[in-house]
Amino acid sequence: MGDVTSASATPSTPARPRRNRRAEILEAAARLFAARGFHGVPIEEICGAVGVSGPALYRHFSGKEALLAEMLLDVSSRLRESAVAVVTSSPGPEQSLDALLDVQITFAIEQPALITVHDRELGNVPEPHRRQIRRLQRLYVEEWVTVLAELHPTCPAARLRAAMHAVFGLLNSTPHSAGELAGGDMRPLLRAMARAAIGAAVNAR
């Protein structure tokens, strides 16, 4: 997460990526919070996991609450931006739905720790950041609802919205199934189940 810059190099020495310390801190904190909870992880342990001192961490974040807020704001923003990008670039609603499924399934497979942290720790995010996260999530859901409304114009928007929340619950179950299947097997399974769930929702009477 975040930009990777290059260190200076002589003409004979290839440029080498410089580690993005801020991103490393966020990733380490996500793993630790998912494993033991926000309140169970002291700031010193996050520093130790990344190999930085307390003052170095505080140059990036004012404290653990600010770190948690940025972690969840970042992932909510990236998901929404990805959804907008794929919908905008897709030739039609069917392709948009395929692309949206790719976005969410990739996130679910690659970031189970962030799913766990969001589910358990959102209440520890200070206001107004919590409101920002919720707003980004609503906008993300609406990207899906807009696409589904094009595919199923007779289905009420409220039903489509409820269906998508249920589908997200299904896809975001990956923290509970980690290690059961390799990613290459999990991806088509999640896609098939999500498609079946959407179909069942829009056709239910």
N, C-alpha and C. Protein backbone atom coordinates (compact mmCIF):
# COMPACT_ATOMS: atom_id res chain seq x y z
N MET A 1 0.86 -1.18 0.00
CA MET A 1 0.00 0.00 0.00
C MET A 1 0.89 1.23 0.00
N GLY A 2 0.74 2.12 -0.94
CA GLY A 2 1.53 3.33 -0.97
C GLY A 2 2.54 3.29 -2.11
N ASP A 3 3.18 4.43 -2.34
CA ASP A 3 4.11 4.55 -3.44
C ASP A 3 5.46 3.97 -3.06
N VAL A 4 6.18 3.45 -4.04
CA VAL A 4 7.55 2.99 -3.83
C VAL A 4 8.45 3.91 -4.61
N THR A 5 9.40 4.55 -3.93
CA THR A 5 10.33 5.45 -4.58
C THR A 5 11.65 4.72 -4.79
N SER A 6 12.53 5.30 -5.59
CA SER A 6 13.81 4.66 -5.90
C SER A 6 14.93 5.40 -5.21
N ALA A 7 15.90 4.65 -4.71
CA ALA A 7 17.08 5.25 -4.12
C ALA A 7 17.98 5.78 -5.23
N SER A 8 18.83 6.75 -4.87
CA SER A 8 19.75 7.28 -5.87
C SER A 8 20.75 6.20 -6.26
N ALA A 9 21.22 6.26 -7.50
CA ALA A 9 22.14 5.23 -7.99
C ALA A 9 23.09 5.85 -8.98
N THR A 10 24.27 5.26 -9.08
CA THR A 10 25.21 5.68 -10.10
C THR A 10 24.78 5.08 -11.42
N PRO A 11 25.30 5.58 -12.57
CA PRO A 11 24.91 5.02 -13.87
C PRO A 11 25.16 3.52 -13.97
N SER A 12 26.17 3.00 -13.25
CA SER A 12 26.50 1.58 -13.36
C SER A 12 25.73 0.73 -12.35
N THR A 13 24.98 1.37 -11.47
CA THR A 13 24.25 0.64 -10.43
C THR A 13 22.76 0.80 -10.64
N PRO A 14 22.03 -0.29 -10.88
CA PRO A 14 20.58 -0.17 -11.07
C PRO A 14 19.91 0.43 -9.84
N ALA A 15 18.89 1.25 -10.07
CA ALA A 15 18.14 1.82 -8.96
C ALA A 15 17.44 0.70 -8.19
N ARG A 16 17.45 0.79 -6.88
CA ARG A 16 16.82 -0.22 -6.04
C ARG A 16 15.63 0.40 -5.32
N PRO A 17 14.51 -0.32 -5.20
CA PRO A 17 13.35 0.24 -4.50
C PRO A 17 13.68 0.53 -3.04
N ARG A 18 13.25 1.65 -2.58
CA ARG A 18 13.41 1.99 -1.17
C ARG A 18 12.15 1.58 -0.43
N ARG A 19 12.33 0.98 0.72
CA ARG A 19 11.18 0.49 1.45
C ARG A 19 10.26 1.64 1.84
N ASN A 20 8.96 1.43 1.70
CA ASN A 20 7.97 2.41 2.11
C ASN A 20 7.62 2.14 3.56
N ARG A 21 8.23 2.90 4.45
CA ARG A 21 8.10 2.61 5.88
C ARG A 21 6.65 2.76 6.36
N ARG A 22 5.96 3.76 5.87
CA ARG A 22 4.58 3.98 6.30
C ARG A 22 3.71 2.77 5.94
N ALA A 23 3.87 2.27 4.72
CA ALA A 23 3.10 1.10 4.30
C ALA A 23 3.47 -0.12 5.12
N GLU A 24 4.74 -0.29 5.42
CA GLU A 24 5.18 -1.42 6.23
C GLU A 24 4.55 -1.38 7.62
N ILE A 25 4.48 -0.19 8.19
CA ILE A 25 3.86 -0.05 9.51
C ILE A 25 2.39 -0.44 9.47
N LEU A 26 1.68 0.04 8.44
CA LEU A 26 0.26 -0.30 8.30
C LEU A 26 0.06 -1.80 8.13
N GLU A 27 0.88 -2.43 7.33
CA GLU A 27 0.73 -3.86 7.08
C GLU A 27 1.04 -4.68 8.33
N ALA A 28 2.10 -4.30 9.04
CA ALA A 28 2.44 -5.02 10.27
C ALA A 28 1.36 -4.84 11.32
N ALA A 29 0.85 -3.63 11.45
CA ALA A 29 -0.21 -3.37 12.43
C ALA A 29 -1.47 -4.16 12.10
N ALA A 30 -1.80 -4.27 10.81
CA ALA A 30 -2.98 -5.04 10.42
C ALA A 30 -2.84 -6.49 10.85
N ARG A 31 -1.68 -7.08 10.61
CA ARG A 31 -1.46 -8.48 11.01
C ARG A 31 -1.58 -8.64 12.52
N LEU A 32 -0.98 -7.73 13.27
CA LEU A 32 -1.00 -7.84 14.72
C LEU A 32 -2.39 -7.59 15.29
N PHE A 33 -3.09 -6.58 14.78
CA PHE A 33 -4.45 -6.30 15.26
C PHE A 33 -5.37 -7.47 14.94
N ALA A 34 -5.21 -8.08 13.77
CA ALA A 34 -6.05 -9.22 13.41
C ALA A 34 -5.79 -10.40 14.33
N ALA A 35 -4.55 -10.58 14.72
CA ALA A 35 -4.19 -11.73 15.56
C ALA A 35 -4.60 -11.55 17.01
N ARG A 36 -4.44 -10.32 17.56
CA ARG A 36 -4.65 -10.17 19.00
C ARG A 36 -5.55 -9.01 19.39
N GLY A 37 -6.08 -8.29 18.42
CA GLY A 37 -6.98 -7.20 18.73
C GLY A 37 -6.24 -5.88 18.93
N PHE A 38 -6.95 -4.79 18.66
CA PHE A 38 -6.38 -3.46 18.74
C PHE A 38 -5.81 -3.18 20.13
N HIS A 39 -6.57 -3.50 21.17
CA HIS A 39 -6.13 -3.19 22.53
C HIS A 39 -5.07 -4.17 23.03
N GLY A 40 -4.91 -5.30 22.34
CA GLY A 40 -3.93 -6.29 22.78
C GLY A 40 -2.55 -6.10 22.21
N VAL A 41 -2.37 -5.06 21.40
CA VAL A 41 -1.07 -4.85 20.74
C VAL A 41 -0.51 -3.50 21.15
N PRO A 42 0.56 -3.46 21.93
CA PRO A 42 1.17 -2.18 22.27
C PRO A 42 1.92 -1.58 21.08
N ILE A 43 2.03 -0.29 21.11
CA ILE A 43 2.69 0.41 20.01
C ILE A 43 4.13 -0.07 19.84
N GLU A 44 4.77 -0.46 20.96
CA GLU A 44 6.16 -0.92 20.90
C GLU A 44 6.28 -2.20 20.08
N GLU A 45 5.24 -3.04 20.12
CA GLU A 45 5.29 -4.29 19.36
C GLU A 45 5.19 -4.01 17.86
N ILE A 46 4.39 -3.02 17.50
CA ILE A 46 4.31 -2.64 16.09
C ILE A 46 5.67 -2.12 15.63
N CYS A 47 6.30 -1.29 16.47
CA CYS A 47 7.64 -0.79 16.13
C CYS A 47 8.61 -1.94 15.92
N GLY A 48 8.58 -2.92 16.83
CA GLY A 48 9.49 -4.05 16.74
C GLY A 48 9.26 -4.88 15.50
N ALA A 49 8.01 -5.01 15.09
CA ALA A 49 7.70 -5.82 13.91
C ALA A 49 8.25 -5.21 12.63
N VAL A 50 8.40 -3.89 12.63
CA VAL A 50 8.89 -3.20 11.43
C VAL A 50 10.36 -2.79 11.57
N GLY A 51 10.88 -2.85 12.81
CA GLY A 51 12.26 -2.47 13.03
C GLY A 51 12.48 -0.98 13.09
N VAL A 52 11.51 -0.26 13.71
CA VAL A 52 11.67 1.18 13.88
C VAL A 52 11.53 1.52 15.36
N SER A 53 12.00 2.70 15.70
CA SER A 53 11.86 3.18 17.07
C SER A 53 10.50 3.85 17.24
N GLY A 54 10.12 4.07 18.48
CA GLY A 54 8.88 4.79 18.75
C GLY A 54 8.84 6.15 18.10
N PRO A 55 9.88 6.98 18.27
CA PRO A 55 9.87 8.29 17.63
C PRO A 55 9.73 8.20 16.11
N ALA A 56 10.33 7.16 15.50
CA ALA A 56 10.22 7.01 14.04
C ALA A 56 8.79 6.71 13.65
N LEU A 57 8.11 5.87 14.42
CA LEU A 57 6.71 5.57 14.11
C LEU A 57 5.84 6.81 14.27
N TYR A 58 6.12 7.58 15.32
CA TYR A 58 5.30 8.77 15.57
C TYR A 58 5.53 9.87 14.53
N ARG A 59 6.58 9.74 13.74
CA ARG A 59 6.73 10.67 12.62
C ARG A 59 5.69 10.39 11.54
N HIS A 60 5.17 9.18 11.51
CA HIS A 60 4.17 8.79 10.52
C HIS A 60 2.74 8.86 11.07
N PHE A 61 2.58 8.48 12.33
CA PHE A 61 1.24 8.42 12.92
C PHE A 61 1.31 9.01 14.33
N SER A 62 0.26 9.73 14.70
CA SER A 62 0.25 10.36 16.02
C SER A 62 0.01 9.35 17.14
N GLY A 63 -0.45 8.17 16.80
CA GLY A 63 -0.70 7.14 17.80
C GLY A 63 -1.42 5.96 17.19
N LYS A 64 -1.80 5.01 18.06
CA LYS A 64 -2.41 3.78 17.56
C LYS A 64 -3.78 4.04 16.93
N GLU A 65 -4.57 4.95 17.48
CA GLU A 65 -5.88 5.24 16.91
C GLU A 65 -5.75 5.86 15.52
N ALA A 66 -4.77 6.76 15.36
CA ALA A 66 -4.55 7.37 14.05
C ALA A 66 -4.08 6.33 13.05
N LEU A 67 -3.27 5.39 13.49
CA LEU A 67 -2.80 4.31 12.63
C LEU A 67 -3.97 3.45 12.16
N LEU A 68 -4.84 3.07 13.10
CA LEU A 68 -6.01 2.27 12.76
C LEU A 68 -6.93 3.02 11.80
N ALA A 69 -7.15 4.30 12.06
CA ALA A 69 -8.01 5.10 11.20
C ALA A 69 -7.47 5.14 9.78
N GLU A 70 -6.17 5.38 9.63
CA GLU A 70 -5.60 5.45 8.28
C GLU A 70 -5.67 4.09 7.60
N MET A 71 -5.45 3.02 8.36
CA MET A 71 -5.50 1.68 7.79
C MET A 71 -6.85 1.42 7.13
N LEU A 72 -7.93 1.73 7.84
CA LEU A 72 -9.27 1.44 7.34
C LEU A 72 -9.73 2.47 6.31
N LEU A 73 -9.30 3.71 6.47
CA LEU A 73 -9.60 4.71 5.44
C LEU A 73 -8.91 4.34 4.12
N ASP A 74 -7.68 3.90 4.22
CA ASP A 74 -6.90 3.56 3.03
C ASP A 74 -7.56 2.43 2.25
N VAL A 75 -7.92 1.36 2.93
CA VAL A 75 -8.49 0.22 2.20
C VAL A 75 -9.88 0.56 1.67
N SER A 76 -10.67 1.32 2.42
CA SER A 76 -12.00 1.71 1.93
C SER A 76 -11.89 2.61 0.71
N SER A 77 -10.92 3.52 0.72
CA SER A 77 -10.72 4.41 -0.41
C SER A 77 -10.23 3.65 -1.63
N ARG A 78 -9.30 2.72 -1.43
CA ARG A 78 -8.76 1.96 -2.57
C ARG A 78 -9.82 1.08 -3.21
N LEU A 79 -10.66 0.46 -2.40
CA LEU A 79 -11.73 -0.36 -2.96
C LEU A 79 -12.70 0.48 -3.78
N ARG A 80 -13.08 1.63 -3.24
CA ARG A 80 -14.02 2.48 -3.96
C ARG A 80 -13.40 2.99 -5.26
N GLU A 81 -12.14 3.43 -5.20
CA GLU A 81 -11.47 3.93 -6.40
C GLU A 81 -11.33 2.83 -7.45
N SER A 82 -11.03 1.61 -7.02
CA SER A 82 -10.91 0.50 -7.96
C SER A 82 -12.25 0.21 -8.62
N ALA A 83 -13.33 0.27 -7.83
CA ALA A 83 -14.66 0.02 -8.38
C ALA A 83 -15.01 1.07 -9.43
N VAL A 84 -14.77 2.31 -9.13
CA VAL A 84 -15.05 3.38 -10.10
C VAL A 84 -14.24 3.17 -11.37
N ALA A 85 -12.98 2.81 -11.23
CA ALA A 85 -12.10 2.65 -12.39
C ALA A 85 -12.58 1.51 -13.29
N VAL A 86 -12.93 0.36 -12.69
CA VAL A 86 -13.30 -0.77 -13.54
C VAL A 86 -14.68 -0.57 -14.18
N VAL A 87 -15.59 0.07 -13.45
CA VAL A 87 -16.92 0.33 -14.03
C VAL A 87 -16.81 1.32 -15.17
N THR A 88 -16.00 2.35 -14.97
CA THR A 88 -15.83 3.38 -16.00
C THR A 88 -15.20 2.81 -17.28
N SER A 89 -14.29 1.86 -17.12
CA SER A 89 -13.57 1.34 -18.27
C SER A 89 -14.23 0.12 -18.91
N SER A 90 -15.26 -0.42 -18.29
CA SER A 90 -15.90 -1.62 -18.84
C SER A 90 -16.91 -1.25 -19.93
N PRO A 91 -17.04 -2.10 -20.96
CA PRO A 91 -17.94 -1.76 -22.06
C PRO A 91 -19.42 -1.92 -21.74
N GLY A 92 -19.75 -2.66 -20.71
CA GLY A 92 -21.16 -2.88 -20.38
C GLY A 92 -21.32 -3.41 -18.97
N PRO A 93 -22.56 -3.53 -18.48
CA PRO A 93 -22.78 -3.93 -17.09
C PRO A 93 -22.31 -5.35 -16.76
N GLU A 94 -22.41 -6.27 -17.71
CA GLU A 94 -21.95 -7.64 -17.44
C GLU A 94 -20.45 -7.67 -17.21
N GLN A 95 -19.72 -6.92 -18.03
CA GLN A 95 -18.26 -6.83 -17.85
C GLN A 95 -17.93 -6.07 -16.57
N SER A 96 -18.75 -5.06 -16.25
CA SER A 96 -18.53 -4.32 -15.00
C SER A 96 -18.68 -5.24 -13.80
N LEU A 97 -19.71 -6.09 -13.81
CA LEU A 97 -19.90 -7.01 -12.69
C LEU A 97 -18.74 -7.98 -12.57
N ASP A 98 -18.26 -8.50 -13.70
CA ASP A 98 -17.09 -9.38 -13.65
C ASP A 98 -15.90 -8.66 -13.03
N ALA A 99 -15.68 -7.42 -13.45
CA ALA A 99 -14.53 -6.67 -12.95
C ALA A 99 -14.69 -6.35 -11.47
N LEU A 100 -15.90 -6.00 -11.04
CA LEU A 100 -16.14 -5.73 -9.62
C LEU A 100 -15.89 -6.99 -8.78
N LEU A 101 -16.33 -8.13 -9.29
CA LEU A 101 -16.07 -9.38 -8.57
C LEU A 101 -14.57 -9.63 -8.45
N ASP A 102 -13.82 -9.33 -9.51
CA ASP A 102 -12.36 -9.49 -9.45
C ASP A 102 -11.77 -8.61 -8.35
N VAL A 103 -12.23 -7.36 -8.27
CA VAL A 103 -11.72 -6.43 -7.25
C VAL A 103 -11.96 -6.98 -5.86
N GLN A 104 -13.21 -7.37 -5.58
CA GLN A 104 -13.56 -7.80 -4.23
C GLN A 104 -12.93 -9.15 -3.88
N ILE A 105 -12.88 -10.06 -4.83
CA ILE A 105 -12.31 -11.38 -4.55
C ILE A 105 -10.81 -11.28 -4.33
N THR A 106 -10.13 -10.46 -5.13
CA THR A 106 -8.70 -10.25 -4.91
C THR A 106 -8.44 -9.69 -3.53
N PHE A 107 -9.23 -8.70 -3.14
CA PHE A 107 -9.09 -8.15 -1.79
C PHE A 107 -9.33 -9.21 -0.73
N ALA A 108 -10.39 -10.00 -0.89
CA ALA A 108 -10.75 -11.00 0.11
C ALA A 108 -9.67 -12.07 0.26
N ILE A 109 -9.05 -12.45 -0.85
CA ILE A 109 -8.02 -13.49 -0.81
C ILE A 109 -6.70 -12.94 -0.27
N GLU A 110 -6.36 -11.72 -0.66
CA GLU A 110 -5.04 -11.18 -0.34
C GLU A 110 -4.98 -10.43 0.98
N GLN A 111 -6.13 -9.97 1.49
CA GLN A 111 -6.11 -9.11 2.68
C GLN A 111 -7.06 -9.60 3.79
N PRO A 112 -6.98 -10.86 4.18
CA PRO A 112 -7.88 -11.32 5.25
C PRO A 112 -7.67 -10.59 6.57
N ALA A 113 -6.44 -10.16 6.84
CA ALA A 113 -6.19 -9.45 8.10
C ALA A 113 -6.97 -8.15 8.15
N LEU A 114 -7.02 -7.43 7.04
CA LEU A 114 -7.76 -6.16 7.01
C LEU A 114 -9.26 -6.40 7.19
N ILE A 115 -9.77 -7.50 6.66
CA ILE A 115 -11.18 -7.83 6.86
C ILE A 115 -11.46 -8.03 8.34
N THR A 116 -10.59 -8.79 9.00
CA THR A 116 -10.76 -9.04 10.44
C THR A 116 -10.69 -7.76 11.24
N VAL A 117 -9.70 -6.92 10.92
CA VAL A 117 -9.55 -5.66 11.66
C VAL A 117 -10.78 -4.79 11.47
N HIS A 118 -11.27 -4.67 10.25
CA HIS A 118 -12.45 -3.84 10.03
C HIS A 118 -13.64 -4.36 10.83
N ASP A 119 -13.88 -5.67 10.76
CA ASP A 119 -15.05 -6.23 11.44
C ASP A 119 -15.00 -6.03 12.94
N ARG A 120 -13.79 -6.13 13.52
CA ARG A 120 -13.68 -6.09 14.98
C ARG A 120 -13.37 -4.71 15.54
N GLU A 121 -12.70 -3.88 14.76
CA GLU A 121 -12.09 -2.68 15.36
C GLU A 121 -12.63 -1.35 14.84
N LEU A 122 -13.61 -1.36 13.94
CA LEU A 122 -14.10 -0.08 13.43
C LEU A 122 -14.58 0.82 14.55
N GLY A 123 -15.15 0.24 15.59
CA GLY A 123 -15.63 1.04 16.71
C GLY A 123 -14.53 1.77 17.46
N ASN A 124 -13.28 1.37 17.27
CA ASN A 124 -12.16 2.05 17.91
C ASN A 124 -11.59 3.19 17.07
N VAL A 125 -12.14 3.39 15.88
CA VAL A 125 -11.70 4.50 15.03
C VAL A 125 -12.40 5.77 15.50
N PRO A 126 -11.66 6.84 15.75
CA PRO A 126 -12.30 8.07 16.21
C PRO A 126 -13.15 8.73 15.12
N GLU A 127 -14.15 9.48 15.56
CA GLU A 127 -14.88 10.34 14.65
C GLU A 127 -13.97 11.54 14.35
N PRO A 128 -14.03 12.15 13.15
CA PRO A 128 -14.95 11.88 12.05
C PRO A 128 -14.47 10.80 11.08
N HIS A 129 -13.32 10.15 11.39
CA HIS A 129 -12.78 9.17 10.46
C HIS A 129 -13.74 8.00 10.25
N ARG A 130 -14.44 7.62 11.29
CA ARG A 130 -15.39 6.52 11.14
C ARG A 130 -16.48 6.88 10.15
N ARG A 131 -16.93 8.14 10.20
CA ARG A 131 -17.95 8.57 9.24
C ARG A 131 -17.40 8.55 7.81
N GLN A 132 -16.14 8.94 7.65
CA GLN A 132 -15.52 8.91 6.32
C GLN A 132 -15.45 7.48 5.78
N ILE A 133 -15.08 6.55 6.64
CA ILE A 133 -14.99 5.15 6.23
C ILE A 133 -16.36 4.64 5.82
N ARG A 134 -17.37 4.93 6.63
CA ARG A 134 -18.72 4.48 6.30
C ARG A 134 -19.20 5.10 4.98
N ARG A 135 -18.88 6.36 4.76
CA ARG A 135 -19.30 7.02 3.51
C ARG A 135 -18.64 6.35 2.31
N LEU A 136 -17.34 6.07 2.40
CA LEU A 136 -16.64 5.41 1.30
C LEU A 136 -17.23 4.02 1.04
N GLN A 137 -17.60 3.33 2.10
CA GLN A 137 -18.18 2.01 1.93
C GLN A 137 -19.56 2.08 1.27
N ARG A 138 -20.34 3.09 1.63
CA ARG A 138 -21.65 3.25 0.98
C ARG A 138 -21.48 3.55 -0.50
N LEU A 139 -20.51 4.39 -0.83
CA LEU A 139 -20.26 4.70 -2.23
C LEU A 139 -19.80 3.46 -3.00
N TYR A 140 -19.01 2.63 -2.34
CA TYR A 140 -18.56 1.38 -2.96
C TYR A 140 -19.75 0.47 -3.25
N VAL A 141 -20.63 0.32 -2.29
CA VAL A 141 -21.83 -0.50 -2.48
C VAL A 141 -22.66 0.04 -3.64
N GLU A 142 -22.79 1.36 -3.72
CA GLU A 142 -23.63 1.94 -4.77
C GLU A 142 -23.07 1.69 -6.17
N GLU A 143 -21.75 1.55 -6.30
CA GLU A 143 -21.19 1.18 -7.60
C GLU A 143 -21.75 -0.18 -8.03
N TRP A 144 -21.81 -1.12 -7.11
CA TRP A 144 -22.36 -2.44 -7.41
C TRP A 144 -23.86 -2.35 -7.71
N VAL A 145 -24.57 -1.60 -6.89
CA VAL A 145 -26.03 -1.50 -7.06
C VAL A 145 -26.36 -0.89 -8.42
N THR A 146 -25.61 0.12 -8.83
CA THR A 146 -25.85 0.74 -10.14
C THR A 146 -25.67 -0.26 -11.28
N VAL A 147 -24.62 -1.07 -11.19
CA VAL A 147 -24.37 -2.07 -12.22
C VAL A 147 -25.47 -3.13 -12.21
N LEU A 148 -25.84 -3.61 -11.03
CA LEU A 148 -26.88 -4.64 -10.94
C LEU A 148 -28.23 -4.10 -11.42
N ALA A 149 -28.49 -2.83 -11.18
CA ALA A 149 -29.76 -2.24 -11.64
C ALA A 149 -29.83 -2.22 -13.16
N GLU A 150 -28.68 -2.06 -13.82
CA GLU A 150 -28.68 -2.13 -15.28
C GLU A 150 -28.96 -3.55 -15.76
N LEU A 151 -28.44 -4.53 -15.03
CA LEU A 151 -28.64 -5.92 -15.42
C LEU A 151 -30.03 -6.44 -15.05
N HIS A 152 -30.59 -5.89 -13.98
CA HIS A 152 -31.89 -6.35 -13.47
C HIS A 152 -32.78 -5.14 -13.19
N PRO A 153 -33.25 -4.47 -14.22
CA PRO A 153 -33.96 -3.19 -14.04
C PRO A 153 -35.28 -3.31 -13.28
N THR A 154 -35.87 -4.49 -13.20
CA THR A 154 -37.14 -4.63 -12.47
C THR A 154 -36.94 -4.95 -11.00
N CYS A 155 -35.71 -5.18 -10.60
CA CYS A 155 -35.45 -5.52 -9.19
C CYS A 155 -35.27 -4.24 -8.39
N PRO A 156 -35.99 -4.08 -7.27
CA PRO A 156 -35.87 -2.85 -6.48
C PRO A 156 -34.45 -2.62 -5.97
N ALA A 157 -34.06 -1.36 -5.93
CA ALA A 157 -32.71 -1.02 -5.47
C ALA A 157 -32.45 -1.50 -4.05
N ALA A 158 -33.48 -1.45 -3.20
CA ALA A 158 -33.31 -1.90 -1.81
C ALA A 158 -32.95 -3.38 -1.76
N ARG A 159 -33.57 -4.18 -2.63
CA ARG A 159 -33.25 -5.60 -2.68
C ARG A 159 -31.82 -5.82 -3.18
N LEU A 160 -31.43 -5.07 -4.21
CA LEU A 160 -30.07 -5.19 -4.72
C LEU A 160 -29.04 -4.80 -3.67
N ARG A 161 -29.33 -3.75 -2.92
CA ARG A 161 -28.41 -3.29 -1.89
C ARG A 161 -28.28 -4.34 -0.78
N ALA A 162 -29.39 -4.88 -0.35
CA ALA A 162 -29.36 -5.92 0.68
C ALA A 162 -28.63 -7.15 0.18
N ALA A 163 -28.87 -7.49 -1.09
CA ALA A 163 -28.19 -8.65 -1.67
C ALA A 163 -26.67 -8.45 -1.67
N MET A 164 -26.22 -7.24 -2.00
CA MET A 164 -24.78 -7.01 -2.05
C MET A 164 -24.14 -7.07 -0.67
N HIS A 165 -24.82 -6.59 0.34
CA HIS A 165 -24.26 -6.72 1.69
C HIS A 165 -24.10 -8.19 2.05
N ALA A 166 -25.07 -9.01 1.65
CA ALA A 166 -24.97 -10.45 1.92
C ALA A 166 -23.83 -11.07 1.13
N VAL A 167 -23.67 -10.65 -0.12
CA VAL A 167 -22.58 -11.19 -0.94
C VAL A 167 -21.22 -10.79 -0.38
N PHE A 168 -21.10 -9.56 0.10
CA PHE A 168 -19.84 -9.14 0.72
C PHE A 168 -19.53 -10.01 1.93
N GLY A 169 -20.56 -10.34 2.70
CA GLY A 169 -20.35 -11.23 3.84
C GLY A 169 -19.81 -12.58 3.41
N LEU A 170 -20.33 -13.08 2.30
CA LEU A 170 -19.86 -14.36 1.77
C LEU A 170 -18.40 -14.25 1.31
N LEU A 171 -18.12 -13.26 0.50
CA LEU A 171 -16.76 -13.11 -0.03
C LEU A 171 -15.75 -12.81 1.06
N ASN A 172 -16.17 -12.02 2.06
CA ASN A 172 -15.25 -11.63 3.12
C ASN A 172 -15.15 -12.65 4.25
N SER A 173 -15.57 -13.88 3.95
CA SER A 173 -15.43 -14.96 4.93
C SER A 173 -14.03 -15.57 4.89
N THR A 174 -13.15 -15.05 4.04
CA THR A 174 -11.83 -15.65 3.86
C THR A 174 -10.97 -15.73 5.13
N PRO A 175 -11.10 -14.84 6.12
CA PRO A 175 -10.31 -15.05 7.33
C PRO A 175 -10.63 -16.39 8.01
N HIS A 176 -11.84 -16.90 7.80
CA HIS A 176 -12.23 -18.16 8.44
C HIS A 176 -11.82 -19.38 7.62
N SER A 177 -11.52 -19.18 6.34
CA SER A 177 -11.18 -20.31 5.47
C SER A 177 -9.73 -20.29 5.03
N ALA A 178 -8.93 -19.41 5.61
CA ALA A 178 -7.53 -19.28 5.21
C ALA A 178 -6.82 -20.62 5.34
N GLY A 179 -6.13 -21.02 4.29
CA GLY A 179 -5.38 -22.26 4.31
C GLY A 179 -6.16 -23.47 3.83
N GLU A 180 -7.47 -23.33 3.69
CA GLU A 180 -8.28 -24.48 3.25
C GLU A 180 -8.04 -24.76 1.76
N LEU A 181 -7.98 -23.71 0.96
CA LEU A 181 -7.75 -23.85 -0.47
C LEU A 181 -6.69 -22.85 -0.91
N ALA A 182 -5.94 -23.21 -1.93
CA ALA A 182 -5.00 -22.25 -2.53
C ALA A 182 -5.80 -21.16 -3.23
N GLY A 183 -5.15 -19.99 -3.39
CA GLY A 183 -5.84 -18.86 -4.01
C GLY A 183 -6.38 -19.18 -5.39
N GLY A 184 -5.64 -19.99 -6.16
CA GLY A 184 -6.10 -20.33 -7.49
C GLY A 184 -7.38 -21.15 -7.49
N ASP A 185 -7.62 -21.90 -6.42
CA ASP A 185 -8.86 -22.67 -6.29
C ASP A 185 -9.95 -21.85 -5.61
N MET A 186 -9.53 -20.97 -4.71
CA MET A 186 -10.51 -20.18 -3.95
C MET A 186 -11.18 -19.14 -4.84
N ARG A 187 -10.44 -18.57 -5.76
CA ARG A 187 -10.98 -17.50 -6.60
C ARG A 187 -12.22 -17.96 -7.40
N PRO A 188 -12.15 -19.07 -8.17
CA PRO A 188 -13.35 -19.48 -8.91
C PRO A 188 -14.48 -19.93 -8.00
N LEU A 189 -14.14 -20.49 -6.83
CA LEU A 189 -15.19 -20.88 -5.89
C LEU A 189 -15.96 -19.66 -5.41
N LEU A 190 -15.25 -18.62 -5.01
CA LEU A 190 -15.90 -17.41 -4.52
C LEU A 190 -16.70 -16.75 -5.63
N ARG A 191 -16.16 -16.73 -6.84
CA ARG A 191 -16.87 -16.12 -7.96
C ARG A 191 -18.18 -16.87 -8.22
N ALA A 192 -18.12 -18.19 -8.26
CA ALA A 192 -19.33 -18.98 -8.53
C ALA A 192 -20.37 -18.78 -7.44
N MET A 193 -19.94 -18.75 -6.20
CA MET A 193 -20.88 -18.58 -5.09
C MET A 193 -21.49 -17.19 -5.10
N ALA A 194 -20.68 -16.18 -5.40
CA ALA A 194 -21.19 -14.81 -5.46
C ALA A 194 -22.21 -14.66 -6.58
N ARG A 195 -21.89 -15.20 -7.74
CA ARG A 195 -22.82 -15.15 -8.87
C ARG A 195 -24.14 -15.86 -8.52
N ALA A 196 -24.03 -17.02 -7.88
CA ALA A 196 -25.25 -17.76 -7.51
C ALA A 196 -26.07 -16.98 -6.49
N ALA A 197 -25.38 -16.34 -5.53
CA ALA A 197 -26.10 -15.57 -4.52
C ALA A 197 -26.81 -14.37 -5.13
N ILE A 198 -26.16 -13.68 -6.04
CA ILE A 198 -26.79 -12.53 -6.70
C ILE A 198 -27.99 -13.00 -7.50
N GLY A 199 -27.83 -14.09 -8.24
CA GLY A 199 -28.94 -14.61 -9.02
C GLY A 199 -30.13 -15.00 -8.17
N ALA A 200 -29.84 -15.65 -7.04
CA ALA A 200 -30.92 -16.06 -6.12
C ALA A 200 -31.63 -14.83 -5.56
N ALA A 201 -30.87 -13.79 -5.26
CA ALA A 201 -31.47 -12.58 -4.66
C ALA A 201 -32.40 -11.87 -5.64
N VAL A 202 -31.95 -11.73 -6.87
CA VAL A 202 -32.76 -10.95 -7.81
C VAL A 202 -33.97 -11.74 -8.31
N ASN A 203 -33.91 -13.07 -8.21
CA ASN A 203 -35.01 -13.90 -8.71
C ASN A 203 -35.94 -14.37 -7.60
N ALA A 204 -35.61 -14.10 -6.38
CA ALA A 204 -36.43 -14.55 -5.25
C ALA A 204 -37.78 -13.85 -5.27
N ARG A 205 -38.79 -14.56 -4.87
CA ARG A 205 -40.15 -13.99 -4.80
C ARG A 205 -40.76 -14.25 -3.43
